[in-house]
């Protein structure tokens, strides 16, 4: 009987079951506290540098533009709702399809008709329908007055987004200290101000390129504190209306913020992407509004630079995605229906103007590509997932929506028991846009009573 009792005890115990768990890689904290873990990329509420803010308010006060609050809000709404221009091929296809449908309906209703008159009527109807259904893209032309309106509506928000994006490079690659910068579509020069706040006097040359002469003039006024006789607050900033011609001239850091949306066609955007990549020796940064259109333009540029190659290659080092994607595959958000943008948020204090709240939120999308170096300089020791939505903190668990290194969207419920105390504490201290350490699935045995 003894052996039976012992056997019943053994076989009656709970036997392990298979359970998948996520484990962090070893030493991913690198000695940091959980609230300062290496994956944090968000910044506190941003405020314009005092010198820039005072200069902007001075310029706006001197301009004395009528109905400035209403005009700046109208411009903001226009830029937020702006779409890409419809390509000529798409317009022709829609016109032919519409014309075919109208002819079929006309033939069913009419036996005797004047073909010439009917043809003219259908043509007019096609043009009328296209005007209603096709988005009419128009370029924005910035004179001095329009530049001031843009300053009132976009200076603080644009600065906050750019600084947040550039800060990720500084944090994740602390050895990178750019000496040269190219800002394509520089506008009011916010990239120069944001870059200077991060790298200071390491930047010895900043070339700001904008086709609008009045915008370049406004940017120079801001650098001088709205005093023509003063020295620029940031030295070595040069304004141009055209890019440097030589393909051999490269810059450590190349930025195009809210610029791709100003180009009318996909071909123009592709050519601009290739041109900017040729000018890049280390990092290329693209920033757009956090809308479906802004995100999709960035994904166009990403595919162009990762999957296509120019006929003449001046720098053979390949491109790789640095942020925000933790992978080089097709963005999984593009496969969703309805499509949603991959965007992020940054809090900021706007200019002290009538109608502005004390704190606002900038929604933006971005893409950072870098030149790959030697093998030993490539990937970081830890693989991370990107948090692509609000982090929901609950009792003893945290809901995280992530984009994984495998190119998959995941909803992960992080707990200390399943994912380790370190990952759990990091998740509780993370926000939308940060990186979270997650690695391979492990099979672990857990109890399930046998019959």
Protein backbone atom coordinates (compact mmCIF):
# COMPACT_ATOMS: atom_id res chain seq x y z
CA UNK A 1 0.00 0.00 0.00
CA UNK A 2 2.91 2.30 0.73
CA UNK A 3 4.06 2.44 -2.86
CA UNK A 4 0.49 3.15 -4.02
CA UNK A 5 0.18 6.05 -1.57
CA UNK A 6 3.51 7.45 -2.70
CA UNK A 7 2.57 6.99 -6.34
CA UNK A 8 -0.77 8.74 -5.86
CA UNK A 9 1.04 11.63 -4.20
CA UNK A 10 3.49 11.98 -7.07
CA UNK A 11 1.05 11.59 -9.93
CA UNK A 12 -1.64 13.63 -8.23
CA UNK A 13 0.55 16.73 -8.08
CA UNK A 14 -0.03 19.52 -10.55
CA UNK A 15 2.00 18.87 -13.63
CA UNK A 16 3.55 21.63 -15.66
CA UNK A 17 1.78 23.19 -18.63
CA UNK A 18 3.25 25.18 -21.48
CA UNK A 19 3.06 28.93 -21.12
CA UNK A 20 4.72 31.62 -23.19
CA UNK A 21 6.54 34.34 -21.35
CA UNK A 22 8.43 37.44 -22.35
CA UNK A 23 11.78 37.91 -20.71
CA UNK A 24 14.06 40.95 -20.81
CA UNK A 25 17.59 40.61 -21.99
CA UNK A 26 20.23 40.67 -19.31
CA UNK A 27 21.43 44.03 -17.96
CA UNK A 28 19.18 46.08 -20.24
CA UNK A 29 18.93 48.81 -17.59
CA UNK A 30 22.67 49.51 -17.85
CA UNK A 31 22.74 50.63 -14.23
CA UNK A 32 19.90 53.15 -14.67
CA UNK A 33 16.85 53.49 -12.42
CA UNK A 34 13.55 52.21 -13.77
CA UNK A 35 12.18 55.74 -14.11
CA UNK A 36 15.22 56.62 -16.23
CA UNK A 37 15.56 53.41 -18.23
CA UNK A 38 17.37 53.60 -21.62
CA UNK A 39 14.16 53.30 -23.66
CA UNK A 40 12.71 56.63 -22.52
CA UNK A 41 12.54 59.13 -25.36
CA UNK A 42 9.77 61.50 -24.25
CA UNK A 43 10.54 64.98 -22.99
CA UNK A 44 8.84 67.14 -20.40
CA UNK A 45 6.58 69.93 -21.61
CA UNK A 46 8.71 71.97 -24.00
CA UNK A 47 9.10 75.71 -23.99
CA UNK A 48 10.76 77.85 -26.65
CA UNK A 49 14.20 79.19 -25.72
CA UNK A 50 13.70 82.54 -24.00
CA UNK A 51 15.65 84.43 -26.67
CA UNK A 52 13.59 82.89 -29.47
CA UNK A 53 10.30 83.50 -27.68
CA UNK A 54 11.06 87.18 -27.01
CA UNK A 55 12.20 87.70 -30.62
CA UNK A 56 9.07 86.04 -32.02
CA UNK A 57 6.74 88.15 -29.84
CA UNK A 58 8.61 91.29 -30.89
CA UNK A 59 8.28 90.45 -34.60
CA UNK A 60 4.57 89.67 -34.20
CA UNK A 61 3.93 92.87 -32.23
CA UNK A 62 5.68 95.00 -34.87
CA UNK A 63 3.83 93.36 -37.74
CA UNK A 64 0.42 94.49 -36.40
CA UNK A 65 -1.48 91.91 -38.46
CA UNK A 66 -5.25 92.24 -38.29
CA UNK A 67 -7.21 89.24 -36.97
CA UNK A 68 -4.02 87.32 -36.23
CA UNK A 69 -5.56 84.74 -33.81
CA UNK A 70 -8.25 83.77 -36.32
CA UNK A 71 -5.83 83.64 -39.23
CA UNK A 72 -3.28 81.54 -37.33
CA UNK A 73 -5.98 79.05 -36.28
CA UNK A 74 -7.25 78.88 -39.86
CA UNK A 75 -3.73 78.14 -41.10
CA UNK A 76 -3.27 75.45 -38.46
CA UNK A 77 -6.52 73.78 -39.50
CA UNK A 78 -5.53 73.97 -43.17
CA UNK A 79 -2.11 72.40 -42.57
CA UNK A 80 -3.60 69.66 -40.39
CA UNK A 81 -6.25 68.71 -42.98
CA UNK A 82 -3.93 68.98 -45.98
CA UNK A 83 -3.64 65.97 -48.26
CA UNK A 84 -1.23 64.94 -50.97
CA UNK A 85 -1.96 66.12 -54.47
CA UNK A 86 -3.78 63.50 -56.54
CA UNK A 87 -1.43 62.05 -59.15
CA UNK A 88 -2.22 62.73 -62.84
CA UNK A 89 -2.58 59.02 -63.61
CA UNK A 90 -5.20 58.66 -60.85
CA UNK A 91 -7.14 61.65 -62.20
CA UNK A 92 -7.12 60.19 -65.73
CA UNK A 93 -8.30 56.80 -64.49
CA UNK A 94 -11.17 58.35 -62.53
CA UNK A 95 -12.14 60.51 -65.51
CA UNK A 96 -12.23 57.52 -67.88
CA UNK A 97 -14.24 55.44 -65.42
CA UNK A 98 -16.75 58.23 -64.87
CA UNK A 99 -17.05 58.92 -68.59
CA UNK A 100 -17.70 55.23 -69.29
CA UNK A 101 -20.47 55.09 -66.67
CA UNK A 102 -22.15 58.23 -68.05
CA UNK A 103 -22.07 56.91 -71.61
CA UNK A 104 -23.65 53.61 -70.53
CA UNK A 105 -26.45 55.39 -68.68
CA UNK A 106 -27.05 57.76 -71.62
CA UNK A 107 -27.25 54.88 -74.12
CA UNK A 108 -29.83 53.08 -71.99
CA UNK A 109 -32.12 56.12 -71.73
CA UNK A 110 -31.83 57.55 -75.26
CA UNK A 111 -32.46 55.97 -78.63
CA UNK A 112 -32.09 58.97 -80.91
CA UNK A 113 -29.51 61.52 -79.82
CA UNK A 114 -27.04 64.07 -81.11
CA UNK A 115 -23.71 62.37 -80.49
CA UNK A 116 -21.72 65.63 -80.55
CA UNK A 117 -24.06 67.35 -78.09
CA UNK A 118 -24.12 64.33 -75.80
CA UNK A 119 -20.33 64.08 -75.88
CA UNK A 120 -20.00 67.74 -74.84
CA UNK A 121 -22.56 67.26 -72.07
CA UNK A 122 -20.76 64.20 -70.70
CA UNK A 123 -17.41 65.97 -70.83
CA UNK A 124 -18.79 68.89 -68.81
CA UNK A 125 -20.33 66.48 -66.32
CA UNK A 126 -17.02 64.64 -65.93
CA UNK A 127 -15.14 67.89 -65.22
CA UNK A 128 -17.82 68.97 -62.77
CA UNK A 129 -17.70 65.67 -60.86
CA UNK A 130 -13.90 65.64 -60.76
CA UNK A 131 -13.84 69.13 -59.26
CA UNK A 132 -16.15 67.92 -56.50
CA UNK A 133 -14.43 64.61 -55.77
CA UNK A 134 -10.73 65.27 -56.44
CA UNK A 135 -8.71 67.04 -53.72
CA UNK A 136 -7.38 70.29 -55.12
CA UNK A 137 -3.83 70.75 -53.84
CA UNK A 138 -2.43 74.28 -53.86
CA UNK A 139 1.10 75.36 -52.90
CA UNK A 140 1.56 77.74 -49.99
CA UNK A 141 3.40 80.95 -50.81
CA UNK A 142 4.95 82.72 -47.86
CA UNK A 143 5.42 86.46 -48.04
CA UNK A 144 6.41 88.40 -44.91
CA UNK A 145 2.85 88.66 -43.58
CA UNK A 146 2.09 84.99 -44.16
CA UNK A 147 5.39 84.13 -42.49
CA UNK A 148 4.31 85.98 -39.33
CA UNK A 149 0.96 84.15 -39.34
CA UNK A 150 2.85 80.87 -39.66
CA UNK A 151 5.10 81.92 -36.78
CA UNK A 152 2.10 82.57 -34.53
CA UNK A 153 0.52 79.23 -35.35
CA UNK A 154 3.42 76.78 -35.79
CA UNK A 155 6.68 78.04 -34.25
CA UNK A 156 6.26 76.53 -30.76
CA UNK A 157 4.65 73.26 -31.88
CA UNK A 158 7.18 72.68 -34.65
CA UNK A 159 10.07 73.35 -32.28
CA UNK A 160 8.67 70.90 -29.69
CA UNK A 161 8.28 68.08 -32.23
CA UNK A 162 11.73 68.56 -33.77
CA UNK A 163 13.47 68.76 -30.42
CA UNK A 164 11.72 65.59 -29.23
CA UNK A 165 12.82 63.72 -32.37
CA UNK A 166 16.43 64.95 -32.29
CA UNK A 167 16.65 64.20 -28.57
CA UNK A 168 16.18 60.50 -29.37
CA UNK A 169 19.39 60.54 -31.43
CA UNK A 170 21.27 62.30 -28.64
CA UNK A 171 20.07 59.85 -25.99
CA UNK A 172 20.46 56.61 -27.92
CA UNK A 173 23.72 57.59 -29.64
CA UNK A 174 25.56 59.79 -27.10
CA UNK A 175 28.82 59.51 -29.06
CA UNK A 176 27.23 61.34 -32.02
CA UNK A 177 28.18 65.03 -31.95
CA UNK A 178 27.31 66.56 -35.33
CA UNK A 179 29.51 69.33 -36.64
CA UNK A 180 27.48 70.08 -39.77
CA UNK A 181 23.72 70.36 -40.26
CA UNK A 182 21.50 70.75 -43.34
CA UNK A 183 17.91 71.86 -42.80
CA UNK A 184 15.82 71.46 -45.96
CA UNK A 185 12.67 73.59 -45.92
CA UNK A 186 14.01 75.47 -42.91
CA UNK A 187 11.16 77.96 -42.58
CA UNK A 188 11.65 79.92 -39.35
CA UNK A 189 14.84 78.06 -38.42
CA UNK A 190 13.36 75.92 -35.64
CA UNK A 191 15.68 73.01 -36.51
CA UNK A 192 18.73 75.20 -35.94
CA UNK A 193 17.39 76.28 -32.53
CA UNK A 194 16.45 72.72 -31.51
CA UNK A 195 19.80 71.31 -32.66
CA UNK A 196 21.73 74.04 -30.86
CA UNK A 197 19.85 73.29 -27.63
CA UNK A 198 21.12 69.69 -27.81
CA UNK A 199 24.64 69.93 -29.25
CA UNK A 200 25.55 73.58 -28.72
CA UNK A 201 28.88 74.71 -30.13
CA UNK A 202 29.71 71.27 -31.52
CA UNK A 203 27.71 72.44 -34.56
CA UNK A 204 30.13 74.53 -36.57
CA UNK A 205 28.04 74.89 -39.73
CA UNK A 206 24.26 74.97 -40.13
CA UNK A 207 22.91 75.45 -43.65
CA UNK A 208 19.22 76.38 -43.77
CA UNK A 209 17.61 75.99 -47.20
CA UNK A 210 14.19 77.49 -47.96
CA UNK A 211 12.86 78.65 -51.32
CA UNK A 212 11.03 81.56 -49.66
CA UNK A 213 13.22 84.64 -49.31
CA UNK A 214 10.84 86.32 -46.80
CA UNK A 215 10.94 83.24 -44.56
CA UNK A 216 14.74 83.27 -44.57
CA UNK A 217 14.64 86.95 -43.61
CA UNK A 218 12.26 86.22 -40.72
CA UNK A 219 14.48 83.37 -39.53
CA UNK A 220 17.50 85.71 -39.50
CA UNK A 221 15.51 88.30 -37.52
CA UNK A 222 14.71 85.67 -34.92
CA UNK A 223 18.37 84.70 -34.61
CA UNK A 224 19.25 88.35 -33.95
CA UNK A 225 16.48 88.89 -31.43
CA UNK A 226 14.62 91.16 -33.88
CA UNK A 227 17.53 93.61 -33.79
CA UNK A 228 19.35 94.05 -37.10
CA UNK A 229 22.47 95.44 -35.40
CA UNK A 230 22.78 92.55 -32.93
CA UNK A 231 24.94 89.47 -33.32
CA UNK A 232 23.07 86.22 -34.05
CA UNK A 233 22.26 84.22 -30.93
CA UNK A 234 23.47 81.11 -32.76
CA UNK A 235 26.60 81.47 -34.86
CA UNK A 236 27.52 79.76 -38.11
CA UNK A 237 23.95 79.62 -39.47
CA UNK A 238 23.77 80.24 -43.23
CA UNK A 239 20.59 80.75 -45.22
CA UNK A 240 20.20 79.60 -48.82
CA UNK A 241 17.36 79.29 -51.30
CA UNK A 242 18.86 76.25 -53.05
CA UNK A 243 20.60 73.05 -51.97
CA UNK A 244 24.36 72.72 -52.47
CA UNK A 245 24.85 71.38 -55.99
CA UNK A 246 27.77 68.99 -55.50
CA UNK A 247 26.63 65.45 -54.57
CA UNK A 248 29.91 64.98 -52.68
CA UNK A 249 29.03 67.65 -50.09
CA UNK A 250 27.62 65.81 -47.06
CA UNK A 251 26.39 66.85 -43.63
CA UNK A 252 26.50 64.92 -40.36
CA UNK A 253 22.81 65.60 -39.75
CA UNK A 254 20.16 66.30 -42.41
CA UNK A 255 16.64 67.34 -41.40
CA UNK A 256 13.44 68.04 -43.36
CA UNK A 257 10.64 69.03 -40.98
CA UNK A 258 7.12 69.51 -42.38
CA UNK A 259 8.63 69.81 -45.87
CA UNK A 260 7.61 66.71 -47.84
CA UNK A 261 3.99 67.88 -47.63
CA UNK A 262 4.98 71.02 -49.55
CA UNK A 263 6.06 68.98 -52.59
CA UNK A 264 3.28 68.43 -55.15
CA UNK A 265 3.93 64.94 -56.55
CA UNK A 266 5.24 61.56 -55.47
CA UNK A 267 8.07 61.91 -57.97
CA UNK A 268 9.11 65.23 -56.38
CA UNK A 269 9.08 63.64 -52.93
CA UNK A 270 11.13 60.65 -54.13
CA UNK A 271 13.72 62.89 -55.76
CA UNK A 272 13.92 65.03 -52.63
CA UNK A 273 14.36 61.90 -50.47
CA UNK A 274 17.24 60.66 -52.64
CA UNK A 275 18.84 64.12 -52.71
CA UNK A 276 18.69 64.47 -48.93
CA UNK A 277 20.06 60.96 -48.44
CA UNK A 278 23.00 61.78 -50.72
CA UNK A 279 23.71 64.77 -48.46
CA UNK A 280 23.64 62.59 -45.32
CA UNK A 281 26.81 61.25 -43.76
CA UNK A 282 25.22 59.97 -40.53
CA UNK A 283 21.53 60.69 -39.80
CA UNK A 284 18.57 61.76 -41.93
CA UNK A 285 15.53 63.04 -39.99
CA UNK A 286 12.08 63.53 -41.54
CA UNK A 287 9.16 64.98 -39.55
CA UNK A 288 5.55 65.53 -40.64
CA UNK A 289 2.14 66.16 -39.11
CA UNK A 290 0.78 63.15 -37.23
CA UNK A 291 -2.01 62.54 -39.73
CA UNK A 292 -2.63 59.64 -42.12
CA UNK A 293 -1.21 61.77 -44.94
CA UNK A 294 1.90 62.74 -42.98
CA UNK A 295 2.57 59.15 -41.93
CA UNK A 296 2.06 57.77 -45.43
CA UNK A 297 4.43 60.34 -46.95
CA UNK A 298 7.10 59.23 -44.50
CA UNK A 299 6.47 55.59 -45.38
CA UNK A 300 6.86 56.47 -49.08
CA UNK A 301 10.25 58.00 -48.28
CA UNK A 302 11.17 54.99 -46.12
CA UNK A 303 10.40 52.53 -48.93
CA UNK A 304 12.25 54.71 -51.44
CA UNK A 305 15.46 54.77 -49.42
CA UNK A 306 15.37 51.17 -48.13
CA UNK A 307 14.22 49.33 -51.24
CA UNK A 308 15.41 51.38 -54.20
CA UNK A 309 18.89 52.35 -55.30
CA UNK A 310 20.07 55.28 -57.37
CA UNK A 311 21.92 54.73 -60.63
CA UNK A 312 24.96 56.60 -59.35
CA UNK A 313 25.91 55.83 -55.75
CA UNK A 314 28.33 58.28 -54.13
CA UNK A 315 28.27 56.79 -50.62
CA UNK A 316 27.96 52.96 -50.64
CA UNK A 317 27.03 52.67 -46.96
CA UNK A 318 23.46 51.32 -46.80
CA UNK A 319 20.57 52.88 -44.92
CA UNK A 320 18.92 51.44 -41.82
CA UNK A 321 15.92 52.53 -39.76
CA UNK A 322 16.92 54.13 -36.46
CA UNK A 323 13.48 55.28 -35.28
CA UNK A 324 10.62 54.99 -34.66
CA UNK A 325 10.30 51.57 -36.35
CA UNK A 326 12.08 48.72 -34.50
CA UNK A 327 12.24 46.83 -37.80
CA UNK A 328 12.78 47.37 -41.55
CA UNK A 329 9.59 45.64 -42.73
CA UNK A 330 6.46 47.24 -44.12
CA UNK A 331 4.69 49.34 -41.50
CA UNK A 332 1.96 47.09 -40.01
CA UNK A 333 -0.30 50.10 -39.50
CA UNK A 334 -0.61 50.48 -43.27
CA UNK A 335 -2.24 47.04 -43.40
CA UNK A 336 -4.95 48.01 -40.91
CA UNK A 337 -8.46 48.94 -41.95
CA UNK A 338 -9.33 51.66 -41.35
CA UNK A 339 -5.76 52.89 -41.71
CA UNK A 340 -4.45 54.76 -38.68
CA UNK A 341 -1.26 56.85 -38.59
CA UNK A 342 1.75 55.91 -36.53
CA UNK A 343 2.08 59.15 -34.62
CA UNK A 344 3.35 60.51 -31.32
CA UNK A 345 2.73 63.44 -29.00
CA UNK A 346 4.72 66.17 -27.34
CA UNK A 347 3.40 68.69 -24.83
CA UNK A 348 4.55 72.30 -25.22
CA UNK A 349 3.91 75.86 -24.10
CA UNK A 350 2.77 78.03 -27.04
CA UNK A 351 3.65 81.66 -27.62
CA UNK A 352 1.94 84.01 -25.18
CA UNK A 353 -0.68 85.26 -27.62
CA UNK A 354 -4.45 85.82 -27.33
CA UNK A 355 -6.40 82.61 -27.87
CA UNK A 356 -3.50 80.30 -26.98
CA UNK A 357 -3.86 77.87 -24.07
CA UNK A 358 -1.12 77.56 -21.49
CA UNK A 359 -0.25 74.03 -22.66
CA UNK A 360 -0.89 72.32 -25.98
CA UNK A 361 -0.13 68.96 -27.61
CA UNK A 362 1.75 68.54 -30.88
CA UNK A 363 0.88 65.38 -32.83
CA UNK A 364 3.63 64.36 -35.22
CA UNK A 365 5.06 61.45 -37.20
CA UNK A 366 8.75 61.02 -37.87
CA UNK A 367 11.40 58.85 -39.48
CA UNK A 368 15.12 58.64 -38.70
CA UNK A 369 17.47 56.78 -41.04
CA UNK A 370 21.18 56.37 -40.56
CA UNK A 371 24.20 55.25 -42.50
CA UNK A 372 25.31 51.83 -41.36
CA UNK A 373 28.86 51.65 -40.07
CA UNK A 374 31.13 48.66 -39.45
CA UNK A 375 29.55 45.48 -38.09
CA UNK A 376 30.71 46.17 -34.53
CA UNK A 377 28.93 49.53 -34.55
CA UNK A 378 25.60 48.26 -35.81
CA UNK A 379 22.81 47.03 -33.59
CA UNK A 380 22.41 47.83 -29.94
CA UNK A 381 22.80 45.04 -27.38
CA UNK A 382 19.09 45.05 -26.54
CA UNK A 383 16.12 44.74 -28.87
CA UNK A 384 13.20 46.99 -28.03
CA UNK A 385 9.56 47.40 -29.00
CA UNK A 386 8.07 50.84 -29.66
CA UNK A 387 5.05 51.93 -27.61
CA UNK A 388 2.57 53.17 -30.21
CA UNK A 389 -0.33 54.20 -27.98
CA UNK A 390 -1.16 55.43 -24.48
CA UNK A 391 0.18 53.27 -21.65
CA UNK A 392 -2.67 52.18 -19.37
CA UNK A 393 -1.50 51.59 -15.80
CA UNK A 394 -3.72 49.32 -13.71
CA UNK A 395 -3.36 47.49 -10.39
CA UNK A 396 -0.36 45.15 -10.73
CA UNK A 397 -0.48 45.19 -14.54
CA UNK A 398 0.13 47.59 -17.42
CA UNK A 399 -1.49 47.58 -20.87
CA UNK A 400 1.02 48.35 -23.63
CA UNK A 401 0.36 48.61 -27.36
CA UNK A 402 3.62 47.97 -29.15
CA UNK A 403 5.24 47.58 -32.55
CA UNK A 404 7.67 44.68 -32.20
CA UNK A 405 11.06 44.04 -33.83
CA UNK A 406 9.25 41.36 -35.88
CA UNK A 407 7.05 44.00 -37.54
CA UNK A 408 3.90 43.05 -35.62
CA UNK A 409 1.42 45.15 -33.64
CA UNK A 410 0.86 43.68 -30.20
CA UNK A 411 -1.21 44.36 -27.12
CA UNK A 412 0.92 43.24 -24.18
CA UNK A 413 -0.35 43.08 -20.61
CA UNK A 414 2.86 43.43 -18.59
CA UNK A 415 3.05 41.99 -15.07
CA UNK A 416 5.94 41.45 -12.72
CA UNK A 417 5.22 37.71 -12.49
CA UNK A 418 5.17 37.05 -16.22
CA UNK A 419 7.70 39.56 -17.53
CA UNK A 420 10.03 40.22 -14.58
CA UNK A 421 9.98 43.02 -12.07
CA UNK A 422 12.38 45.13 -14.11
CA UNK A 423 10.25 45.10 -17.29
CA UNK A 424 7.11 45.73 -15.26
CA UNK A 425 8.62 48.74 -13.49
CA UNK A 426 9.95 50.08 -16.79
CA UNK A 427 6.51 49.71 -18.38
CA UNK A 428 4.89 51.68 -15.55
CA UNK A 429 7.43 54.47 -16.08
CA UNK A 430 7.05 54.57 -19.87
CA UNK A 431 4.84 56.66 -22.11
CA UNK A 432 3.52 56.62 -25.66
CA UNK A 433 6.54 56.79 -27.97
CA UNK A 434 9.09 55.26 -25.61
CA UNK A 435 10.88 51.96 -26.15
CA UNK A 436 10.21 48.86 -24.04
CA UNK A 437 12.65 45.94 -23.68
CA UNK A 438 11.03 42.72 -24.88
CA UNK A 439 12.74 39.62 -26.23
CA UNK A 440 12.10 36.04 -27.19
CA UNK A 441 9.20 33.84 -26.09
CA UNK A 442 10.24 31.14 -23.66
CA UNK A 443 8.35 27.93 -22.95
CA UNK A 444 7.80 27.42 -19.26
CA UNK A 445 6.08 24.61 -17.37
CA UNK A 446 3.20 25.49 -15.08
CA UNK A 447 0.79 23.34 -13.15
CA UNK A 448 -2.26 21.53 -14.49
CA UNK A 449 -3.56 18.55 -12.56
CA UNK A 450 -3.52 15.25 -14.37
CA UNK A 451 -6.52 12.99 -14.29
